[in-house]
Amino acid sequence: MKNKEENKLSFEENLDSLEKIVKALENGDVPLDEAIEKFNEGMKYANACNTILEEATKTVTKAIDKDGNLKEFDISESE
């Protein structure tokens, strides 16, 4: 998988590709060389998922204050 391709894929597409690789590796019918290639490819999909989740977390933890400005959301403020 190329970096440009993984950046274009959605979280769900990356996760689906990762799940297919995991299933193939769990099946155990993959030769060692191919298993290593698939593992590396799977790590790229996993990293892409992680990046997307980190960005989503940043977005979710933003809140708008009473003046309409974005600020970091502090969970202790809502209690």
C-alpha atoms as a PDB file:
ATOM      1  CA  MET A   1       0.000   0.000   0.000  1.00  0.00           C
ATOM      2  CA  LYS A   2       1.330   3.420  -0.884  1.00  0.00           C
ATOM      3  CA  ASN A   3       1.234   6.357   1.530  1.00  0.00           C
ATOM      4  CA  LYS A   4      -0.910   8.405  -0.855  1.00  0.00           C
ATOM      5  CA  GLU A   5      -3.426   5.568  -1.088  1.00  0.00           C
ATOM      6  CA  GLU A   6      -3.702   5.114   2.680  1.00  0.00           C
ATOM      7  CA  ASN A   7      -4.257   8.858   3.166  1.00  0.00           C
ATOM      8  CA  LYS A   8      -7.203   8.744   0.774  1.00  0.00           C
ATOM      9  CA  LEU A   9      -8.915   5.819   2.476  1.00  0.00           C
ATOM     10  CA  SER A  10     -11.513   6.346   5.171  1.00  0.00           C
ATOM     11  CA  PHE A  11     -11.152   4.834   8.617  1.00  0.00           C
ATOM     12  CA  GLU A  12     -13.597   2.099   7.667  1.00  0.00           C
ATOM     13  CA  GLU A  13     -11.729   1.261   4.454  1.00  0.00           C
ATOM     14  CA  ASN A  14      -8.406   1.077   6.299  1.00  0.00           C
ATOM     15  CA  LEU A  15      -9.939  -1.097   9.003  1.00  0.00           C
ATOM     16  CA  ASP A  16     -11.555  -3.409   6.450  1.00  0.00           C
ATOM     17  CA  SER A  17      -8.228  -3.867   4.662  1.00  0.00           C
ATOM     18  CA  LEU A  18      -6.490  -4.522   7.975  1.00  0.00           C
ATOM     19  CA  GLU A  19      -9.117  -7.116   8.960  1.00  0.00           C
ATOM     20  CA  LYS A  20      -8.653  -8.953   5.645  1.00  0.00           C
ATOM     21  CA  ILE A  21      -4.905  -9.136   6.230  1.00  0.00           C
ATOM     22  CA  VAL A  22      -5.374 -10.379   9.793  1.00  0.00           C
ATOM     23  CA  LYS A  23      -7.754 -13.106   8.611  1.00  0.00           C
ATOM     24  CA  ALA A  24      -5.294 -14.208   5.924  1.00  0.00           C
ATOM     25  CA  LEU A  25      -2.460 -14.369   8.466  1.00  0.00           C
ATOM     26  CA  GLU A  26      -4.590 -16.163  11.049  1.00  0.00           C
ATOM     27  CA  ASN A  27      -5.524 -18.762   8.435  1.00  0.00           C
ATOM     28  CA  GLY A  28      -1.871 -19.800   8.378  1.00  0.00           C
ATOM     29  CA  ASP A  29      -1.734 -20.697   4.692  1.00  0.00           C
ATOM     30  CA  VAL A  30       0.492 -17.747   3.786  1.00  0.00           C
ATOM     31  CA  PRO A  31       4.177 -18.411   3.019  1.00  0.00           C
ATOM     32  CA  LEU A  32       6.608 -16.666   5.363  1.00  0.00           C
ATOM     33  CA  ASP A  33       7.810 -14.043   2.867  1.00  0.00           C
ATOM     34  CA  GLU A  34       4.248 -13.122   1.965  1.00  0.00           C
ATOM     35  CA  ALA A  35       3.258 -13.109   5.650  1.00  0.00           C
ATOM     36  CA  ILE A  36       5.984 -10.575   6.395  1.00  0.00           C
ATOM     37  CA  GLU A  37       4.817  -8.389   3.495  1.00  0.00           C
ATOM     38  CA  LYS A  38       1.215  -8.635   4.672  1.00  0.00           C
ATOM     39  CA  PHE A  39       2.250  -7.837   8.240  1.00  0.00           C
ATOM     40  CA  ASN A  40       4.049  -4.675   7.074  1.00  0.00           C
ATOM     41  CA  GLU A  41       1.085  -3.686   4.938  1.00  0.00           C
ATOM     42  CA  GLY A  42      -1.240  -4.311   7.874  1.00  0.00           C
ATOM     43  CA  MET A  43       0.878  -2.063  10.089  1.00  0.00           C
ATOM     44  CA  LYS A  44       0.457   0.745   7.549  1.00  0.00           C
ATOM     45  CA  TYR A  45      -3.316   0.317   7.663  1.00  0.00           C
ATOM     46  CA  ALA A  46      -3.225   0.193  11.479  1.00  0.00           C
ATOM     47  CA  ASN A  47      -1.144   3.379  11.607  1.00  0.00           C
ATOM     48  CA  ALA A  48      -3.541   5.099   9.201  1.00  0.00           C
ATOM     49  CA  CYS A  49      -6.473   4.082  11.438  1.00  0.00           C
ATOM     50  CA  ASN A  50      -4.623   5.398  14.476  1.00  0.00           C
ATOM     51  CA  THR A  51      -3.927   8.740  12.777  1.00  0.00           C
ATOM     52  CA  ILE A  52      -7.576   9.123  11.793  1.00  0.00           C
ATOM     53  CA  LEU A  53      -8.691   8.269  15.346  1.00  0.00           C
ATOM     54  CA  GLU A  54      -6.239  10.773  16.844  1.00  0.00           C
ATOM     55  CA  GLU A  55      -7.584  13.500  14.560  1.00  0.00           C
ATOM     56  CA  ALA A  56     -11.161  12.578  15.453  1.00  0.00           C
ATOM     57  CA  THR A  57     -10.282  12.716  19.146  1.00  0.00           C
ATOM     58  CA  LYS A  58      -8.820  16.204  18.713  1.00  0.00           C
ATOM     59  CA  THR A  59     -11.996  17.316  16.955  1.00  0.00           C
ATOM     60  CA  VAL A  60     -14.290  15.829  19.583  1.00  0.00           C
ATOM     61  CA  THR A  61     -12.361  17.359  22.470  1.00  0.00           C
ATOM     62  CA  LYS A  62     -12.868  20.869  21.121  1.00  0.00           C
ATOM     63  CA  ALA A  63     -15.747  22.856  22.529  1.00  0.00           C
ATOM     64  CA  ILE A  64     -17.158  26.256  21.739  1.00  0.00           C
ATOM     65  CA  ASP A  65     -17.116  28.742  24.606  1.00  0.00           C
ATOM     66  CA  LYS A  66     -19.860  31.283  25.283  1.00  0.00           C
ATOM     67  CA  ASP A  67     -18.141  33.782  22.943  1.00  0.00           C
ATOM     68  CA  GLY A  68     -18.186  31.307  20.036  1.00  0.00           C
ATOM     69  CA  ASN A  69     -14.474  30.530  20.233  1.00  0.00           C
ATOM     70  CA  LEU A  70     -13.055  27.036  20.047  1.00  0.00           C
ATOM     71  CA  LYS A  71     -11.328  25.825  23.183  1.00  0.00           C
ATOM     72  CA  GLU A  72     -10.075  22.515  24.496  1.00  0.00           C
ATOM     73  CA  PHE A  73     -12.790  20.536  26.218  1.00  0.00           C
ATOM     74  CA  ASP A  74     -11.978  19.769  29.831  1.00  0.00           C
ATOM     75  CA  ILE A  75     -14.080  16.949  31.224  1.00  0.00           C
ATOM     76  CA  SER A  76     -13.760  18.357  34.763  1.00  0.00           C
ATOM     77  CA  GLU A  77     -15.555  21.557  33.645  1.00  0.00           C
ATOM     78  CA  SER A  78     -18.720  19.615  32.816  1.00  0.00           C
ATOM     79  CA  GLU A  79     -19.024  17.998  36.248  1.00  0.00           C
END
